Amino acid sequence: MDKNKKHTFTLSVEEINRINLKAGETLLVIDSETSTVKPANEEHFHEWLKNLHWGGEQ
């Protein structure tokens, strides 16, 4: 799979809040200027995803 390929999907505000609540911290924020969802901390978010991918948090 091409690692540079961008994927798009839609998250509701409720889903963003649920993800942040489950993680116990703010992982995702809404950029009000562009109306997009972005990681609050890019490096930490990718570490969290890697951990989730390898069976960490459920």
PDB file of N, CA and C in Angstrom:
ATOM      1  N   MET A   1       0.845  -1.185   0.000  1.00  0.00           N
ATOM      2  CA  MET A   1       0.000   0.000   0.000  1.00  0.00           C
ATOM      3  C   MET A   1       0.888   1.246   0.000  1.00  0.00           C
ATOM      4  N   ASP A   2       0.460   2.236  -0.725  1.00  0.00           N
ATOM      5  CA  ASP A   2       1.201   3.490  -0.838  1.00  0.00           C
ATOM      6  C   ASP A   2       1.048   4.285   0.454  1.00  0.00           C
ATOM      7  N   LYS A   3       2.151   4.505   1.172  1.00  0.00           N
ATOM      8  CA  LYS A   3       2.096   5.207   2.449  1.00  0.00           C
ATOM      9  C   LYS A   3       1.787   6.686   2.295  1.00  0.00           C
ATOM     10  N   ASN A   4       1.995   7.247   1.109  1.00  0.00           N
ATOM     11  CA  ASN A   4       1.734   8.661   0.888  1.00  0.00           C
ATOM     12  C   ASN A   4       0.307   8.937   0.432  1.00  0.00           C
ATOM     13  N   LYS A   5      -0.464   7.910   0.206  1.00  0.00           N
ATOM     14  CA  LYS A   5      -1.839   8.079  -0.241  1.00  0.00           C
ATOM     15  C   LYS A   5      -2.705   8.573   0.925  1.00  0.00           C
ATOM     16  N   LYS A   6      -3.481   9.604   0.667  1.00  0.00           N
ATOM     17  CA  LYS A   6      -4.347  10.144   1.707  1.00  0.00           C
ATOM     18  C   LYS A   6      -5.708   9.469   1.652  1.00  0.00           C
ATOM     19  N   HIS A   7      -6.242   9.200   2.814  1.00  0.00           N
ATOM     20  CA  HIS A   7      -7.569   8.614   2.933  1.00  0.00           C
ATOM     21  C   HIS A   7      -8.470   9.639   3.604  1.00  0.00           C
ATOM     22  N   THR A   8      -9.689   9.725   3.179  1.00  0.00           N
ATOM     23  CA  THR A   8     -10.624  10.642   3.817  1.00  0.00           C
ATOM     24  C   THR A   8     -11.797   9.854   4.392  1.00  0.00           C
ATOM     25  N   PHE A   9     -12.303  10.334   5.490  1.00  0.00           N
ATOM     26  CA  PHE A   9     -13.489   9.768   6.122  1.00  0.00           C
ATOM     27  C   PHE A   9     -14.114  10.841   6.981  1.00  0.00           C
ATOM     28  N   THR A  10     -15.305  10.577   7.430  1.00  0.00           N
ATOM     29  CA  THR A  10     -16.056  11.564   8.205  1.00  0.00           C
ATOM     30  C   THR A  10     -16.219  11.090   9.636  1.00  0.00           C
ATOM     31  N   LEU A  11     -16.006  11.999  10.579  1.00  0.00           N
ATOM     32  CA  LEU A  11     -16.252  11.745  11.996  1.00  0.00           C
ATOM     33  C   LEU A  11     -17.195  12.812  12.526  1.00  0.00           C
ATOM     34  N   SER A  12     -18.147  12.398  13.318  1.00  0.00           N
ATOM     35  CA  SER A  12     -19.026  13.374  13.956  1.00  0.00           C
ATOM     36  C   SER A  12     -18.345  13.908  15.212  1.00  0.00           C
ATOM     37  N   VAL A  13     -18.853  15.004  15.721  1.00  0.00           N
ATOM     38  CA  VAL A  13     -18.318  15.565  16.967  1.00  0.00           C
ATOM     39  C   VAL A  13     -18.450  14.542  18.088  1.00  0.00           C
ATOM     40  N   GLU A  14     -19.551  13.806  18.106  1.00  0.00           N
ATOM     41  CA  GLU A  14     -19.759  12.785  19.134  1.00  0.00           C
ATOM     42  C   GLU A  14     -18.705  11.682  19.030  1.00  0.00           C
ATOM     43  N   GLU A  15     -18.370  11.282  17.805  1.00  0.00           N
ATOM     44  CA  GLU A  15     -17.354  10.244  17.619  1.00  0.00           C
ATOM     45  C   GLU A  15     -15.975  10.737  18.058  1.00  0.00           C
ATOM     46  N   ILE A  16     -15.664  11.979  17.754  1.00  0.00           N
ATOM     47  CA  ILE A  16     -14.389  12.563  18.192  1.00  0.00           C
ATOM     48  C   ILE A  16     -14.331  12.589  19.715  1.00  0.00           C
ATOM     49  N   ASN A  17     -15.400  13.014  20.338  1.00  0.00           N
ATOM     50  CA  ASN A  17     -15.447  13.041  21.802  1.00  0.00           C
ATOM     51  C   ASN A  17     -15.308  11.641  22.389  1.00  0.00           C
ATOM     52  N   ARG A  18     -15.935  10.648  21.756  1.00  0.00           N
ATOM     53  CA  ARG A  18     -15.866   9.267  22.234  1.00  0.00           C
ATOM     54  C   ARG A  18     -14.427   8.743  22.131  1.00  0.00           C
ATOM     55  N   ILE A  19     -13.742   9.033  21.030  1.00  0.00           N
ATOM     56  CA  ILE A  19     -12.349   8.611  20.861  1.00  0.00           C
ATOM     57  C   ILE A  19     -11.473   9.251  21.936  1.00  0.00           C
ATOM     58  N   ASN A  20     -11.637  10.557  22.145  1.00  0.00           N
ATOM     59  CA  ASN A  20     -10.850  11.256  23.158  1.00  0.00           C
ATOM     60  C   ASN A  20     -11.143  10.720  24.557  1.00  0.00           C
ATOM     61  N   LEU A  21     -12.408  10.438  24.845  1.00  0.00           N
ATOM     62  CA  LEU A  21     -12.786   9.912  26.157  1.00  0.00           C
ATOM     63  C   LEU A  21     -12.183   8.525  26.366  1.00  0.00           C
ATOM     64  N   LYS A  22     -12.285   7.670  25.347  1.00  0.00           N
ATOM     65  CA  LYS A  22     -11.743   6.321  25.465  1.00  0.00           C
ATOM     66  C   LYS A  22     -10.225   6.346  25.652  1.00  0.00           C
ATOM     67  N   ALA A  23      -9.561   7.273  24.981  1.00  0.00           N
ATOM     68  CA  ALA A  23      -8.107   7.388  25.103  1.00  0.00           C
ATOM     69  C   ALA A  23      -7.697   8.003  26.436  1.00  0.00           C
ATOM     70  N   GLY A  24      -8.620   8.694  27.093  1.00  0.00           N
ATOM     71  CA  GLY A  24      -8.301   9.336  28.365  1.00  0.00           C
ATOM     72  C   GLY A  24      -7.544  10.639  28.200  1.00  0.00           C
ATOM     73  N   GLU A  25      -7.490  11.136  26.972  1.00  0.00           N
ATOM     74  CA  GLU A  25      -6.790  12.392  26.687  1.00  0.00           C
ATOM     75  C   GLU A  25      -7.289  12.925  25.345  1.00  0.00           C
ATOM     76  N   THR A  26      -6.933  14.145  25.039  1.00  0.00           N
ATOM     77  CA  THR A  26      -7.338  14.739  23.773  1.00  0.00           C
ATOM     78  C   THR A  26      -6.384  14.283  22.676  1.00  0.00           C
ATOM     79  N   LEU A  27      -6.878  13.396  21.812  1.00  0.00           N
ATOM     80  CA  LEU A  27      -6.095  12.935  20.676  1.00  0.00           C
ATOM     81  C   LEU A  27      -6.463  13.702  19.411  1.00  0.00           C
ATOM     82  N   LEU A  28      -7.758  14.013  19.266  1.00  0.00           N
ATOM     83  CA  LEU A  28      -8.247  14.668  18.060  1.00  0.00           C
ATOM     84  C   LEU A  28      -8.887  16.001  18.400  1.00  0.00           C
ATOM     85  N   VAL A  29      -8.652  16.983  17.546  1.00  0.00           N
ATOM     86  CA  VAL A  29      -9.265  18.305  17.693  1.00  0.00           C
ATOM     87  C   VAL A  29      -9.857  18.719  16.347  1.00  0.00           C
ATOM     88  N   ILE A  30     -10.788  19.640  16.381  1.00  0.00           N
ATOM     89  CA  ILE A  30     -11.396  20.164  15.165  1.00  0.00           C
ATOM     90  C   ILE A  30     -10.768  21.513  14.855  1.00  0.00           C
ATOM     91  N   ASP A  31     -10.215  21.623  13.660  1.00  0.00           N
ATOM     92  CA  ASP A  31      -9.642  22.881  13.189  1.00  0.00           C
ATOM     93  C   ASP A  31     -10.796  23.714  12.645  1.00  0.00           C
ATOM     94  N   SER A  32     -11.162  24.762  13.357  1.00  0.00           N
ATOM     95  CA  SER A  32     -12.327  25.566  12.973  1.00  0.00           C
ATOM     96  C   SER A  32     -12.112  26.349  11.682  1.00  0.00           C
ATOM     97  N   GLU A  33     -10.869  26.624  11.330  1.00  0.00           N
ATOM     98  CA  GLU A  33     -10.594  27.361  10.089  1.00  0.00           C
ATOM     99  C   GLU A  33     -10.835  26.504   8.853  1.00  0.00           C
ATOM    100  N   THR A  34     -10.482  25.229   8.933  1.00  0.00           N
ATOM    101  CA  THR A  34     -10.613  24.349   7.769  1.00  0.00           C
ATOM    102  C   THR A  34     -11.728  23.317   7.915  1.00  0.00           C
ATOM    103  N   SER A  35     -12.378  23.287   9.069  1.00  0.00           N
ATOM    104  CA  SER A  35     -13.437  22.302   9.361  1.00  0.00           C
ATOM    105  C   SER A  35     -12.940  20.874   9.158  1.00  0.00           C
ATOM    106  N   THR A  36     -11.735  20.628   9.620  1.00  0.00           N
ATOM    107  CA  THR A  36     -11.170  19.284   9.541  1.00  0.00           C
ATOM    108  C   THR A  36     -10.774  18.797  10.930  1.00  0.00           C
ATOM    109  N   VAL A  37     -10.647  17.494  11.043  1.00  0.00           N
ATOM    110  CA  VAL A  37     -10.199  16.876  12.291  1.00  0.00           C
ATOM    111  C   VAL A  37      -8.711  16.621  12.166  1.00  0.00           C
ATOM    112  N   LYS A  38      -7.973  17.004  13.199  1.00  0.00           N
ATOM    113  CA  LYS A  38      -6.518  16.832  13.197  1.00  0.00           C
ATOM    114  C   LYS A  38      -6.075  16.265  14.545  1.00  0.00           C
ATOM    115  N   PRO A  39      -4.948  15.572  14.551  1.00  0.00           N
ATOM    116  CA  PRO A  39      -4.391  15.125  15.828  1.00  0.00           C
ATOM    117  C   PRO A  39      -3.980  16.328  16.671  1.00  0.00           C
ATOM    118  N   ALA A  40      -4.237  16.262  17.967  1.00  0.00           N
ATOM    119  CA  ALA A  40      -3.809  17.333  18.869  1.00  0.00           C
ATOM    120  C   ALA A  40      -2.287  17.374  18.935  1.00  0.00           C
ATOM    121  N   ASN A  41      -1.661  16.196  18.896  1.00  0.00           N
ATOM    122  CA  ASN A  41      -0.202  16.060  18.890  1.00  0.00           C
ATOM    123  C   ASN A  41       0.117  14.952  17.891  1.00  0.00           C
ATOM    124  N   GLU A  42       0.636  15.316  16.751  1.00  0.00           N
ATOM    125  CA  GLU A  42       0.865  14.379  15.637  1.00  0.00           C
ATOM    126  C   GLU A  42       1.705  13.165  16.053  1.00  0.00           C
ATOM    127  N   GLU A  43       2.817  13.388  16.711  1.00  0.00           N
ATOM    128  CA  GLU A  43       3.705  12.288  17.097  1.00  0.00           C
ATOM    129  C   GLU A  43       3.022  11.346  18.089  1.00  0.00           C
ATOM    130  N   HIS A  44       2.387  11.914  19.098  1.00  0.00           N
ATOM    131  CA  HIS A  44       1.711  11.099  20.102  1.00  0.00           C
ATOM    132  C   HIS A  44       0.548  10.319  19.487  1.00  0.00           C
ATOM    133  N   PHE A  45      -0.179  10.944  18.585  1.00  0.00           N
ATOM    134  CA  PHE A  45      -1.305  10.289  17.929  1.00  0.00           C
ATOM    135  C   PHE A  45      -0.835   9.076  17.134  1.00  0.00           C
ATOM    136  N   HIS A  46       0.259   9.204  16.398  1.00  0.00           N
ATOM    137  CA  HIS A  46       0.764   8.079  15.614  1.00  0.00           C
ATOM    138  C   HIS A  46       1.270   6.952  16.508  1.00  0.00           C
ATOM    139  N   GLU A  47       1.863   7.286  17.634  1.00  0.00           N
ATOM    140  CA  GLU A  47       2.272   6.257  18.603  1.00  0.00           C
ATOM    141  C   GLU A  47       1.046   5.531  19.152  1.00  0.00           C
ATOM    142  N   TRP A  48      -0.018   6.280  19.443  1.00  0.00           N
ATOM    143  CA  TRP A  48      -1.257   5.681  19.936  1.00  0.00           C
ATOM    144  C   TRP A  48      -1.848   4.744  18.889  1.00  0.00           C
ATOM    145  N   LEU A  49      -1.861   5.166  17.621  1.00  0.00           N
ATOM    146  CA  LEU A  49      -2.375   4.321  16.538  1.00  0.00           C
ATOM    147  C   LEU A  49      -1.543   3.048  16.391  1.00  0.00           C
ATOM    148  N   LYS A  50      -0.225   3.189  16.467  1.00  0.00           N
ATOM    149  CA  LYS A  50       0.645   2.023  16.341  1.00  0.00           C
ATOM    150  C   LYS A  50       0.363   1.037  17.473  1.00  0.00           C
ATOM    151  N   ASN A  51       0.208   1.547  18.682  1.00  0.00           N
ATOM    152  CA  ASN A  51      -0.104   0.706  19.831  1.00  0.00           C
ATOM    153  C   ASN A  51      -1.457   0.021  19.646  1.00  0.00           C
ATOM    154  N   LEU A  52      -2.429   0.750  19.147  1.00  0.00           N
ATOM    155  CA  LEU A  52      -3.769   0.188  18.907  1.00  0.00           C
ATOM    156  C   LEU A  52      -3.701  -0.882  17.841  1.00  0.00           C
ATOM    157  N   HIS A  53      -2.933  -0.636  16.792  1.00  0.00           N
ATOM    158  CA  HIS A  53      -2.778  -1.607  15.698  1.00  0.00           C
ATOM    159  C   HIS A  53      -2.174  -2.913  16.189  1.00  0.00           C
ATOM    160  N   TRP A  54      -1.233  -2.842  17.095  1.00  0.00           N
ATOM    161  CA  TRP A  54      -0.561  -4.043  17.585  1.00  0.00           C
ATOM    162  C   TRP A  54      -1.245  -4.674  18.775  1.00  0.00           C
ATOM    163  N   GLY A  55      -2.503  -4.300  19.047  1.00  0.00           N
ATOM    164  CA  GLY A  55      -3.277  -4.961  20.086  1.00  0.00           C
ATOM    165  C   GLY A  55      -3.167  -4.326  21.446  1.00  0.00           C
ATOM    166  N   GLY A  56      -2.765  -3.090  21.517  1.00  0.00           N
ATOM    167  CA  GLY A  56      -2.668  -2.388  22.807  1.00  0.00           C
ATOM    168  C   GLY A  56      -4.039  -2.142  23.375  1.00  0.00           C
ATOM    169  N   GLU A  57      -4.484  -0.908  23.313  1.00  0.00           N
ATOM    170  CA  GLU A  57      -5.796  -0.552  23.851  1.00  0.00           C
ATOM    171  C   GLU A  57      -6.894  -1.171  23.008  1.00  0.00           C
ATOM    172  N   GLN A  58      -7.969  -1.542  23.628  1.00  0.00           N
ATOM    173  CA  GLN A  58      -9.119  -2.111  22.914  1.00  0.00           C
ATOM    174  C   GLN A  58     -10.322  -1.235  23.082  1.00  0.00           C
TER     175      GLN A  58
END
